[in-house]
Protein backbone atom coordinates (compact mmCIF):
# COMPACT_ATOMS: atom_id res chain seq x y z
CA MET A 1 84.41 112.40 84.34
CA LYS A 2 87.07 114.39 85.30
CA ARG A 3 90.61 112.62 84.26
CA ILE A 4 94.04 113.18 86.77
CA LEU A 5 96.98 112.44 84.87
CA ALA A 6 99.52 110.97 87.03
CA ARG A 7 101.68 109.23 84.78
CA SER A 8 104.81 110.00 87.11
CA GLY A 9 102.65 110.44 90.07
CA CYS A 10 100.05 111.98 91.18
CA SER A 11 100.08 115.95 92.38
CA ASP A 12 98.66 117.48 95.36
CA GLU A 13 95.76 119.56 93.32
CA GLY A 14 95.13 115.60 91.89
CA TYR A 15 94.74 114.21 95.67
CA ARG A 16 93.16 116.78 96.87
CA LEU A 17 90.16 116.56 94.34
CA ALA A 18 89.90 113.03 94.32
CA VAL A 19 89.95 113.18 98.54
CA GLU A 20 87.47 115.89 97.96
CA VAL A 21 84.94 113.21 95.51
CA LEU A 22 85.51 110.47 98.36
CA ARG A 23 84.53 113.11 100.90
CA GLY A 24 80.87 113.96 98.77
CA GLY A 25 80.10 109.90 98.72
CA GLY A 26 80.81 110.18 94.87
CA LEU A 27 83.18 107.24 93.44
CA VAL A 28 87.27 107.29 92.02
CA ILE A 29 88.65 105.05 89.82
CA TYR A 30 92.47 104.72 90.44
CA PRO A 31 95.27 102.25 90.19
CA THR A 32 96.26 99.45 92.31
CA ASP A 33 99.36 96.93 91.83
CA THR A 34 96.69 94.27 89.84
CA SER A 35 94.16 96.23 87.92
CA TYR A 36 92.75 99.96 88.44
CA GLY A 37 89.75 99.76 91.25
CA LEU A 38 86.91 101.55 91.99
CA GLY A 39 87.41 103.37 95.51
CA ALA A 40 84.20 104.19 97.77
CA ASP A 41 84.00 105.66 101.13
CA ALA A 42 83.37 102.29 102.98
CA GLU A 43 81.87 103.71 105.72
CA ASN A 44 79.39 106.07 104.03
CA VAL A 45 76.17 103.19 102.91
CA GLU A 46 75.08 105.03 100.10
CA ALA A 47 78.05 105.31 98.16
CA VAL A 48 78.97 101.71 98.79
CA LEU A 49 75.07 100.94 97.18
CA ARG A 50 75.91 102.89 94.33
CA VAL A 51 79.63 100.52 93.37
CA TYR A 52 77.57 97.66 93.23
CA ARG A 53 74.69 99.19 90.51
CA VAL A 54 77.51 100.88 88.63
CA LYS A 55 78.86 97.58 88.55
CA LEU A 56 75.79 95.08 88.33
CA ARG A 57 77.01 93.34 91.46
CA PRO A 58 75.03 90.98 93.07
CA ARG A 59 74.34 92.15 96.82
CA THR A 60 75.54 88.53 98.13
CA ASN A 61 78.89 89.29 96.35
CA PRO A 62 80.39 91.30 99.51
CA LEU A 63 82.95 94.37 99.00
CA THR A 64 86.21 94.23 99.53
CA ILE A 65 88.22 97.42 101.58
CA ALA A 66 91.82 99.12 100.51
CA VAL A 67 93.85 100.70 103.76
CA SER A 68 96.79 102.43 103.78
CA ASP A 69 99.00 100.51 106.62
CA PHE A 70 97.76 98.19 109.57
CA GLU A 71 97.03 101.45 112.15
CA MET A 72 94.27 101.99 109.80
CA LEU A 73 93.72 98.18 109.56
CA ARG A 74 92.77 97.82 113.18
CA ARG A 75 89.64 100.31 112.48
CA TYR A 76 87.73 97.72 110.32
CA ALA A 77 89.33 94.07 111.40
CA ILE A 78 89.51 92.32 114.37
CA PHE A 79 93.14 90.23 114.98
CA ASP A 80 96.20 89.45 117.12
CA GLU A 81 99.85 90.09 116.86
CA LYS A 82 100.54 87.01 115.88
CA MET A 83 97.99 87.10 113.09
CA GLU A 84 99.29 90.81 112.11
CA THR A 85 103.10 89.12 111.88
CA PHE A 86 101.48 87.10 108.88
CA MET A 87 99.77 89.74 107.21
CA LYS A 88 102.91 91.70 106.87
CA SER A 89 104.72 89.10 104.90
CA PHE A 90 102.49 90.11 102.09
CA LEU A 91 100.69 93.32 103.10
CA PRO A 92 100.99 95.48 101.24
CA GLY A 93 100.51 92.97 98.78
CA ALA A 94 98.49 91.69 96.56
CA VAL A 95 96.74 89.55 99.01
CA THR A 96 92.80 90.07 100.26
CA PHE A 97 93.27 88.75 104.01
CA ILE A 98 89.48 87.75 105.08
CA LEU A 99 88.72 88.67 108.93
CA PRO A 100 85.86 89.00 111.84
CA LYS A 101 84.98 93.04 111.33
CA THR A 102 84.47 95.64 113.75
CA GLU A 103 81.19 98.01 113.70
CA ARG A 104 82.98 100.53 111.07
CA VAL A 105 81.92 97.93 108.80
CA PRO A 106 78.76 98.60 107.29
CA ASP A 107 76.80 95.41 106.26
CA GLU A 108 75.87 96.64 102.87
CA VAL A 109 79.83 96.38 102.37
CA ASN A 110 79.88 92.66 104.35
CA PRO A 111 77.62 91.49 106.99
CA ARG A 112 79.75 89.35 108.28
CA ALA A 113 82.83 89.54 107.85
CA ILE A 114 85.78 92.45 105.61
CA GLY A 115 88.27 91.38 102.97
CA VAL A 116 90.84 94.04 103.07
CA ARG A 117 94.32 94.14 101.78
CA ILE A 118 97.22 97.46 101.42
CA PRO A 119 97.95 97.21 97.66
CA ASP A 120 101.48 97.89 96.72
CA ASN A 121 100.74 101.06 94.82
CA PRO A 122 102.50 104.45 96.03
CA ILE A 123 99.21 106.58 94.02
CA ALA A 124 96.63 103.85 95.77
CA LEU A 125 98.39 104.36 99.44
CA GLU A 126 98.62 108.27 99.11
CA LEU A 127 94.71 108.58 98.51
CA ILE A 128 93.77 106.46 101.14
CA ARG A 129 96.37 107.92 103.30
CA ARG A 130 95.23 111.42 102.72
CA PHE A 131 91.17 110.66 102.75
CA GLY A 132 92.32 109.11 106.14
CA ARG A 133 89.48 106.13 105.55
CA ALA A 134 89.16 103.41 103.73
CA VAL A 135 87.99 103.19 100.31
CA THR A 136 86.23 100.12 99.02
CA ALA A 137 88.91 98.27 96.08
CA THR A 138 86.52 96.21 93.98
CA SER A 139 88.11 96.58 90.60
CA ALA A 140 86.59 99.21 88.14
CA ASN A 141 85.05 97.07 86.06
CA ILE A 142 81.21 96.42 84.96
CA SER A 143 80.40 92.55 87.58
CA GLY A 144 82.01 89.49 86.15
CA GLU A 145 84.46 91.01 83.08
CA PRO A 146 87.94 90.72 82.93
CA PRO A 147 89.47 93.90 85.41
CA ALA A 148 90.61 97.31 83.68
CA TYR A 149 93.97 97.31 83.28
CA THR A 150 94.07 101.04 81.21
CA PRO A 151 92.22 104.17 82.28
CA GLU A 152 90.38 103.72 78.54
CA GLU A 153 89.12 100.42 80.23
CA ALA A 154 88.38 101.34 82.94
CA MET A 155 85.93 104.54 81.64
CA ARG A 156 84.31 102.18 79.18
CA ALA A 157 83.37 100.23 81.56
CA LEU A 158 82.41 103.10 83.83
CA PRO A 159 81.73 105.91 82.08
CA ASP A 160 79.60 107.81 84.93
CA ILE A 161 82.11 107.81 87.67
CA GLU A 162 83.14 111.55 88.79
CA LEU A 163 86.76 111.12 89.02
CA ILE A 164 89.53 108.76 87.32
CA ILE A 165 93.26 108.58 88.58
CA ASP A 166 95.14 108.49 85.60
CA ALA A 167 98.43 106.02 85.92
CA GLY A 168 98.79 104.72 82.48
CA PRO A 169 98.42 101.33 81.32
CA LEU A 170 99.33 98.27 84.23
CA PRO A 171 101.14 95.14 84.04
CA LYS A 172 98.24 92.94 83.66
CA ARG A 173 98.84 90.51 86.89
CA PRO A 174 95.39 88.83 87.73
CA THR A 175 93.51 90.01 91.01
CA SER A 176 94.74 89.33 94.23
CA THR A 177 94.42 86.62 96.18
CA ILE A 178 91.30 86.06 98.64
CA VAL A 179 92.19 83.93 101.11
CA ASP A 180 89.58 83.55 104.80
CA LEU A 181 90.62 83.59 107.87
CA THR A 182 88.28 83.42 109.93
CA GLY A 183 88.62 80.05 110.45
CA ASP A 184 90.90 77.80 112.50
CA ARG A 185 92.85 77.79 109.57
CA PRO A 186 93.38 79.87 106.16
CA VAL A 187 91.14 79.10 103.00
CA LEU A 188 91.72 79.59 100.22
CA VAL A 189 88.83 81.96 98.07
CA ARG A 190 90.57 83.18 94.74
CA GLU A 191 93.66 82.05 93.17
CA GLY A 192 95.86 85.00 92.07
CA PRO A 193 99.33 86.48 92.21
CA VAL A 194 100.26 84.95 95.38
CA PRO A 195 100.98 81.24 95.21
CA PHE A 196 98.46 79.71 98.30
CA GLU A 197 100.98 77.69 99.43
CA ALA A 198 103.16 80.01 100.21
CA ILE A 199 100.74 81.65 102.40
CA ILE A 200 100.36 78.30 104.14
CA ARG A 201 103.85 77.51 104.71
CA LYS A 202 103.65 81.32 106.81
CA TYR A 203 101.01 80.83 108.29
CA GLU A 204 102.50 77.41 109.81
CA GLY A 205 106.03 79.10 110.36
CA VAL A 206 104.20 82.10 112.53
CA PHE A 207 101.15 79.68 114.21
CA GLN A 208 103.50 76.69 115.29
CA SER A 209 106.50 78.48 116.72
CA SER A 210 106.62 78.71 120.04
């Protein structure tokens, strides 16, 4: 595994190497605003299937993706202006929203919808922006094990990954709050650092306003 030191920010060369790995169908461990994540080209089916394999993750447990901004998000998810206004209250941030998907999302990522977030981490955002496509946003660990908050934990869990962007120890925060927006009202899928009550309040404020 190649280690790119990014303790005070990632270098241009580090981003170049990481993007090269992603474009070649490889996997990259990268820092997020919650824990270290495992990134693959979300549109590359073989790379996505490898994410399931290395994490020992059941295929019945769909993956989520990370994007750099709302312009990129529109390539993968279907939502209107009101929904965008609502989501912008929490993104970038530690919330994953499940939305109806576009045809760009392979069924191997999720056959029914797509969970997407914009991580509030400058290295993650710049990596995705330079790559130009969504990356998988699953945690860099074996499925069911605790998240990795240090590069050493991530490398021990997933030793066969091509590259890690080492930003040092991350603050120990819970993995992102997951909220399903595919129905009539938001449904909490997983509790996380952003309270569901705050999400509901904002949703009602946006969608019940005249």
